[in-house]
Amino acid sequence: MKKNHDRKEAFTLVELLITIGIIVIIAGVAVPQIAGYLNRSKSARAKMDLSTISTAIKCFYTDWGRYPASLEDLLGTDTSLDAVNTSDNYTVAGLPGGINYLGVTIPADIFNQASSENTYKYLLFTGDQDYILWSIGPNKESEITEQTAALSDDAVTITTTEEFDDIYDSNCSVSVEIS
C-alpha cells in the first residue's frame, strides 16, 4: 500500500468556520461592554468639568457679588452689555477686572461634537442668585432648556417627557419630573 506523501497539513473548512463563529460571538459580547465603558468615562469627565466650571462661577460670585450672565464672563473677555468682568471694571475688593477664572478656555462638552456651540450650557435664573450648568449627556440631546427648567423657592424643577440623561450641577436643589 502506497502512502500519500504529497498531502499538506492544513485546517479544514469546518474548523475555520467554527473559529470564525467563536470570534464573532466574543466580539458581539465585547463591543457593547466597551461602549458602556466609554459612556461612563465620558460622564465622569463631564462631571469633573462641570465641577471645575461651578467652582469658577462661585469664585466669580465672591469677587463680583453676583453670578456671571454667561460662561464667557468667566474668561474676562465677554464684551456684551451684561458683562461685569471687563478690564475697565473693578471687583468688590477693588481688583481690576478681566480675570480669567478658568485659566484657559471654557471646556467643550465631551458629548457635544458640533463644530460650534459645543460648550456646556448655563442658565442664570431671574434674580441672578440661582443657576444650573449642564452637559447634553450620552443621548446628545439637551432635555434642560429655558422652557423645561423652572425656579421656585430656591429649587429648580426640570420637566421633561423623555428619558433624562443630562448631567448637571447647580447652586440650588434640582428635581426632575418625567411626565
C-alpha atoms as a PDB file:
ATOM      1  CA  MET A   1       0.000   0.000   0.000  1.00  0.00           C
ATOM      2  CA  LYS A   2       1.305   3.368  -1.038  1.00  0.00           C
ATOM      3  CA  LYS A   3       1.153   6.333   1.349  1.00  0.00           C
ATOM      4  CA  ASN A   4       0.244   9.770   0.050  1.00  0.00           C
ATOM      5  CA  HIS A   5       3.194  11.963   0.985  1.00  0.00           C
ATOM      6  CA  ASP A   6       2.002  14.929  -1.096  1.00  0.00           C
ATOM      7  CA  ARG A   7      -0.863  15.879   1.237  1.00  0.00           C
ATOM      8  CA  LYS A   8      -0.196  19.105   3.170  1.00  0.00           C
ATOM      9  CA  GLU A   9      -1.346  19.587   6.729  1.00  0.00           C
ATOM     10  CA  ALA A  10      -3.983  22.381   6.885  1.00  0.00           C
ATOM     11  CA  PHE A  11      -7.209  23.401   8.609  1.00  0.00           C
ATOM     12  CA  THR A  12     -10.430  22.106   7.185  1.00  0.00           C
ATOM     13  CA  LEU A  13     -13.267  24.415   6.182  1.00  0.00           C
ATOM     14  CA  VAL A  14     -15.336  23.295   9.180  1.00  0.00           C
ATOM     15  CA  GLU A  15     -12.541  24.154  11.606  1.00  0.00           C
ATOM     16  CA  LEU A  16     -12.167  27.622  10.062  1.00  0.00           C
ATOM     17  CA  LEU A  17     -15.922  28.297  10.246  1.00  0.00           C
ATOM     18  CA  ILE A  18     -16.075  27.247  13.898  1.00  0.00           C
ATOM     19  CA  THR A  19     -13.117  29.515  14.733  1.00  0.00           C
ATOM     20  CA  ILE A  20     -14.681  32.478  12.916  1.00  0.00           C
ATOM     21  CA  GLY A  21     -18.004  31.839  14.688  1.00  0.00           C
ATOM     22  CA  ILE A  22     -16.326  31.881  18.100  1.00  0.00           C
ATOM     23  CA  ILE A  23     -14.546  35.161  17.257  1.00  0.00           C
ATOM     24  CA  VAL A  24     -17.849  36.756  16.163  1.00  0.00           C
ATOM     25  CA  ILE A  25     -19.574  35.685  19.396  1.00  0.00           C
ATOM     26  CA  ILE A  26     -16.749  37.107  21.530  1.00  0.00           C
ATOM     27  CA  ALA A  27     -16.809  40.382  19.560  1.00  0.00           C
ATOM     28  CA  GLY A  28     -20.597  40.576  19.945  1.00  0.00           C
ATOM     29  CA  VAL A  29     -20.248  40.407  23.709  1.00  0.00           C
ATOM     30  CA  ALA A  30     -17.224  42.714  23.973  1.00  0.00           C
ATOM     31  CA  VAL A  31     -18.346  45.649  21.798  1.00  0.00           C
ATOM     32  CA  PRO A  32     -21.376  46.673  23.941  1.00  0.00           C
ATOM     33  CA  GLN A  33     -19.227  46.413  27.078  1.00  0.00           C
ATOM     34  CA  ILE A  34     -16.622  48.734  25.574  1.00  0.00           C
ATOM     35  CA  ALA A  35     -19.322  51.232  24.535  1.00  0.00           C
ATOM     36  CA  GLY A  36     -20.632  51.221  28.117  1.00  0.00           C
ATOM     37  CA  TYR A  37     -17.153  51.912  29.493  1.00  0.00           C
ATOM     38  CA  LEU A  38     -16.733  54.826  27.073  1.00  0.00           C
ATOM     39  CA  ASN A  39     -20.035  56.433  28.136  1.00  0.00           C
ATOM     40  CA  ARG A  40     -19.167  56.031  31.820  1.00  0.00           C
ATOM     41  CA  SER A  41     -15.759  57.623  31.321  1.00  0.00           C
ATOM     42  CA  LYS A  42     -17.290  60.495  29.327  1.00  0.00           C
ATOM     43  CA  SER A  43     -19.879  61.013  32.078  1.00  0.00           C
ATOM     44  CA  ALA A  44     -17.111  61.153  34.693  1.00  0.00           C
ATOM     45  CA  ARG A  45     -15.220  63.692  32.570  1.00  0.00           C
ATOM     46  CA  ALA A  46     -18.361  65.823  32.162  1.00  0.00           C
ATOM     47  CA  LYS A  47     -18.969  65.766  35.938  1.00  0.00           C
ATOM     48  CA  MET A  48     -15.376  66.839  36.551  1.00  0.00           C
ATOM     49  CA  ASP A  49     -15.635  69.685  34.006  1.00  0.00           C
ATOM     50  CA  LEU A  50     -18.945  70.855  35.493  1.00  0.00           C
ATOM     51  CA  SER A  51     -17.412  70.853  38.966  1.00  0.00           C
ATOM     52  CA  THR A  52     -14.491  72.948  37.717  1.00  0.00           C
ATOM     53  CA  ILE A  53     -16.778  75.440  35.996  1.00  0.00           C
ATOM     54  CA  SER A  54     -19.074  75.582  39.033  1.00  0.00           C
ATOM     55  CA  THR A  55     -16.089  76.404  41.245  1.00  0.00           C
ATOM     56  CA  ALA A  56     -15.111  79.185  38.821  1.00  0.00           C
ATOM     57  CA  ILE A  57     -18.699  80.524  38.952  1.00  0.00           C
ATOM     58  CA  LYS A  58     -18.570  80.577  42.766  1.00  0.00           C
ATOM     59  CA  CYS A  59     -15.208  82.396  42.704  1.00  0.00           C
ATOM     60  CA  PHE A  60     -16.735  84.904  40.284  1.00  0.00           C
ATOM     61  CA  TYR A  61     -19.603  85.407  42.743  1.00  0.00           C
ATOM     62  CA  THR A  62     -17.146  86.001  45.578  1.00  0.00           C
ATOM     63  CA  ASP A  63     -15.291  88.655  43.551  1.00  0.00           C
ATOM     64  CA  TRP A  64     -18.215  90.423  41.892  1.00  0.00           C
ATOM     65  CA  GLY A  65     -21.152  89.847  44.276  1.00  0.00           C
ATOM     66  CA  ARG A  66     -23.244  88.246  41.510  1.00  0.00           C
ATOM     67  CA  TYR A  67     -23.154  85.263  39.197  1.00  0.00           C
ATOM     68  CA  PRO A  68     -21.916  85.688  35.627  1.00  0.00           C
ATOM     69  CA  ALA A  69     -24.530  86.409  32.950  1.00  0.00           C
ATOM     70  CA  SER A  70     -22.787  83.908  30.659  1.00  0.00           C
ATOM     71  CA  LEU A  71     -19.930  81.434  30.798  1.00  0.00           C
ATOM     72  CA  GLU A  72     -17.874  83.791  28.609  1.00  0.00           C
ATOM     73  CA  ASP A  73     -17.886  86.260  31.519  1.00  0.00           C
ATOM     74  CA  LEU A  74     -15.691  83.750  33.401  1.00  0.00           C
ATOM     75  CA  LEU A  75     -12.920  84.324  30.847  1.00  0.00           C
ATOM     76  CA  GLY A  76     -12.793  88.093  31.309  1.00  0.00           C
ATOM     77  CA  THR A  77     -13.223  88.625  27.562  1.00  0.00           C
ATOM     78  CA  ASP A  78     -17.021  88.976  27.306  1.00  0.00           C
ATOM     79  CA  THR A  79     -17.937  92.280  25.649  1.00  0.00           C
ATOM     80  CA  SER A  80     -21.719  92.048  25.994  1.00  0.00           C
ATOM     81  CA  LEU A  81     -23.637  94.693  27.919  1.00  0.00           C
ATOM     82  CA  ASP A  82     -24.293  92.248  30.797  1.00  0.00           C
ATOM     83  CA  ALA A  83     -20.588  91.548  31.317  1.00  0.00           C
ATOM     84  CA  VAL A  84     -19.058  92.849  34.543  1.00  0.00           C
ATOM     85  CA  ASN A  85     -15.698  91.069  34.382  1.00  0.00           C
ATOM     86  CA  THR A  86     -14.050  93.532  31.997  1.00  0.00           C
ATOM     87  CA  SER A  87     -10.728  95.311  32.269  1.00  0.00           C
ATOM     88  CA  ASP A  88     -12.408  98.663  32.972  1.00  0.00           C
ATOM     89  CA  ASN A  89     -14.436  97.348  35.957  1.00  0.00           C
ATOM     90  CA  TYR A  90     -13.284  96.561  39.485  1.00  0.00           C
ATOM     91  CA  THR A  91     -14.250  93.700  41.816  1.00  0.00           C
ATOM     92  CA  VAL A  92     -15.867  94.179  45.231  1.00  0.00           C
ATOM     93  CA  ALA A  93     -12.338  94.030  46.722  1.00  0.00           C
ATOM     94  CA  GLY A  94     -11.064  96.696  44.297  1.00  0.00           C
ATOM     95  CA  LEU A  95      -9.119  94.373  41.986  1.00  0.00           C
ATOM     96  CA  PRO A  96      -9.103  95.159  38.261  1.00  0.00           C
ATOM     97  CA  GLY A  97     -11.444  93.056  36.097  1.00  0.00           C
ATOM     98  CA  GLY A  98     -10.631  90.937  33.077  1.00  0.00           C
ATOM     99  CA  ILE A  99      -9.940  87.938  35.320  1.00  0.00           C
ATOM    100  CA  ASN A 100      -9.848  84.517  33.648  1.00  0.00           C
ATOM    101  CA  TYR A 101     -11.411  82.211  36.231  1.00  0.00           C
ATOM    102  CA  LEU A 102     -10.888  79.054  34.157  1.00  0.00           C
ATOM    103  CA  GLY A 103      -7.224  79.565  33.298  1.00  0.00           C
ATOM    104  CA  VAL A 104      -7.680  78.929  29.574  1.00  0.00           C
ATOM    105  CA  THR A 105     -10.984  78.438  27.771  1.00  0.00           C
ATOM    106  CA  ILE A 106     -14.378  77.017  28.589  1.00  0.00           C
ATOM    107  CA  PRO A 107     -14.074  73.235  28.225  1.00  0.00           C
ATOM    108  CA  ALA A 108     -16.007  71.654  25.360  1.00  0.00           C
ATOM    109  CA  ASP A 109     -18.875  69.342  26.276  1.00  0.00           C
ATOM    110  CA  ILE A 110     -17.469  65.840  25.726  1.00  0.00           C
ATOM    111  CA  PHE A 111     -20.854  64.637  24.428  1.00  0.00           C
ATOM    112  CA  ASN A 112     -21.384  67.529  22.002  1.00  0.00           C
ATOM    113  CA  GLN A 113     -19.271  67.093  18.892  1.00  0.00           C
ATOM    114  CA  ALA A 114     -20.848  70.003  16.986  1.00  0.00           C
ATOM    115  CA  SER A 115     -18.355  72.363  15.398  1.00  0.00           C
ATOM    116  CA  SER A 116     -19.865  75.396  17.148  1.00  0.00           C
ATOM    117  CA  GLU A 117     -21.754  75.913  20.391  1.00  0.00           C
ATOM    118  CA  ASN A 118     -20.180  72.781  21.862  1.00  0.00           C
ATOM    119  CA  THR A 119     -19.573  74.168  25.332  1.00  0.00           C
ATOM    120  CA  TYR A 120     -21.504  73.263  28.435  1.00  0.00           C
ATOM    121  CA  LYS A 121     -24.855  75.012  28.855  1.00  0.00           C
ATOM    122  CA  TYR A 122     -25.520  77.605  31.556  1.00  0.00           C
ATOM    123  CA  LEU A 123     -28.761  79.206  32.690  1.00  0.00           C
ATOM    124  CA  LEU A 124     -28.912  82.051  35.215  1.00  0.00           C
ATOM    125  CA  PHE A 125     -32.442  82.423  36.557  1.00  0.00           C
ATOM    126  CA  THR A 126     -34.308  85.679  37.155  1.00  0.00           C
ATOM    127  CA  GLY A 127     -32.955  87.368  40.260  1.00  0.00           C
ATOM    128  CA  ASP A 128     -29.366  86.373  39.392  1.00  0.00           C
ATOM    129  CA  GLN A 129     -28.991  84.186  42.501  1.00  0.00           C
ATOM    130  CA  ASP A 130     -29.614  80.679  41.135  1.00  0.00           C
ATOM    131  CA  TYR A 131     -28.081  78.878  38.190  1.00  0.00           C
ATOM    132  CA  ILE A 132     -27.886  75.488  36.549  1.00  0.00           C
ATOM    133  CA  LEU A 133     -24.972  74.245  34.463  1.00  0.00           C
ATOM    134  CA  TRP A 134     -25.283  71.113  32.304  1.00  0.00           C
ATOM    135  CA  SER A 135     -23.961  68.735  29.676  1.00  0.00           C
ATOM    136  CA  ILE A 136     -26.247  67.306  26.990  1.00  0.00           C
ATOM    137  CA  GLY A 137     -25.388  63.762  28.115  1.00  0.00           C
ATOM    138  CA  PRO A 138     -24.891  60.485  26.260  1.00  0.00           C
ATOM    139  CA  ASN A 139     -28.019  60.776  24.106  1.00  0.00           C
ATOM    140  CA  LYS A 140     -26.573  64.043  22.710  1.00  0.00           C
ATOM    141  CA  GLU A 141     -29.852  65.936  23.161  1.00  0.00           C
ATOM    142  CA  SER A 142     -30.449  68.520  25.853  1.00  0.00           C
ATOM    143  CA  GLU A 143     -33.544  67.925  27.937  1.00  0.00           C
ATOM    144  CA  ILE A 144     -32.763  71.032  30.009  1.00  0.00           C
ATOM    145  CA  THR A 145     -33.816  74.293  28.351  1.00  0.00           C
ATOM    146  CA  GLU A 146     -35.181  77.632  29.492  1.00  0.00           C
ATOM    147  CA  GLN A 147     -38.647  76.177  28.843  1.00  0.00           C
ATOM    148  CA  THR A 148     -38.191  72.930  30.802  1.00  0.00           C
ATOM    149  CA  ALA A 149     -36.328  74.368  33.821  1.00  0.00           C
ATOM    150  CA  ALA A 150     -38.321  76.417  36.311  1.00  0.00           C
ATOM    151  CA  LEU A 151     -37.164  78.029  39.558  1.00  0.00           C
ATOM    152  CA  SER A 152     -39.362  78.244  42.632  1.00  0.00           C
ATOM    153  CA  ASP A 153     -38.358  78.609  46.277  1.00  0.00           C
ATOM    154  CA  ASP A 154     -34.620  78.132  45.589  1.00  0.00           C
ATOM    155  CA  ALA A 155     -35.226  74.821  43.803  1.00  0.00           C
ATOM    156  CA  VAL A 156     -35.074  74.054  40.109  1.00  0.00           C
ATOM    157  CA  THR A 157     -37.632  71.679  38.650  1.00  0.00           C
ATOM    158  CA  ILE A 158     -36.909  70.180  35.241  1.00  0.00           C
ATOM    159  CA  THR A 159     -39.980  68.838  33.473  1.00  0.00           C
ATOM    160  CA  THR A 160     -39.412  66.541  30.509  1.00  0.00           C
ATOM    161  CA  THR A 161     -41.299  63.882  28.569  1.00  0.00           C
ATOM    162  CA  GLU A 162     -38.205  61.953  27.562  1.00  0.00           C
ATOM    163  CA  GLU A 163     -35.647  59.812  29.297  1.00  0.00           C
ATOM    164  CA  PHE A 164     -33.395  62.212  31.198  1.00  0.00           C
ATOM    165  CA  ASP A 165     -29.643  61.774  30.872  1.00  0.00           C
ATOM    166  CA  ASP A 166     -28.312  65.336  31.031  1.00  0.00           C
ATOM    167  CA  ILE A 167     -25.525  65.773  33.573  1.00  0.00           C
ATOM    168  CA  TYR A 168     -25.897  68.916  35.689  1.00  0.00           C
ATOM    169  CA  ASP A 169     -24.527  70.998  38.549  1.00  0.00           C
ATOM    170  CA  SER A 170     -26.314  73.825  40.325  1.00  0.00           C
ATOM    171  CA  ASN A 171     -26.096  76.060  43.372  1.00  0.00           C
ATOM    172  CA  CYS A 172     -29.618  75.042  44.416  1.00  0.00           C
ATOM    173  CA  SER A 173     -31.548  71.782  44.676  1.00  0.00           C
ATOM    174  CA  VAL A 174     -32.722  70.223  41.404  1.00  0.00           C
ATOM    175  CA  SER A 175     -35.573  67.793  40.827  1.00  0.00           C
ATOM    176  CA  VAL A 176     -36.546  66.069  37.595  1.00  0.00           C
ATOM    177  CA  GLU A 177     -40.132  65.279  36.703  1.00  0.00           C
ATOM    178  CA  ILE A 178     -40.783  62.969  33.765  1.00  0.00           C
ATOM    179  CA  SER A 179     -44.338  63.367  32.557  1.00  0.00           C
END
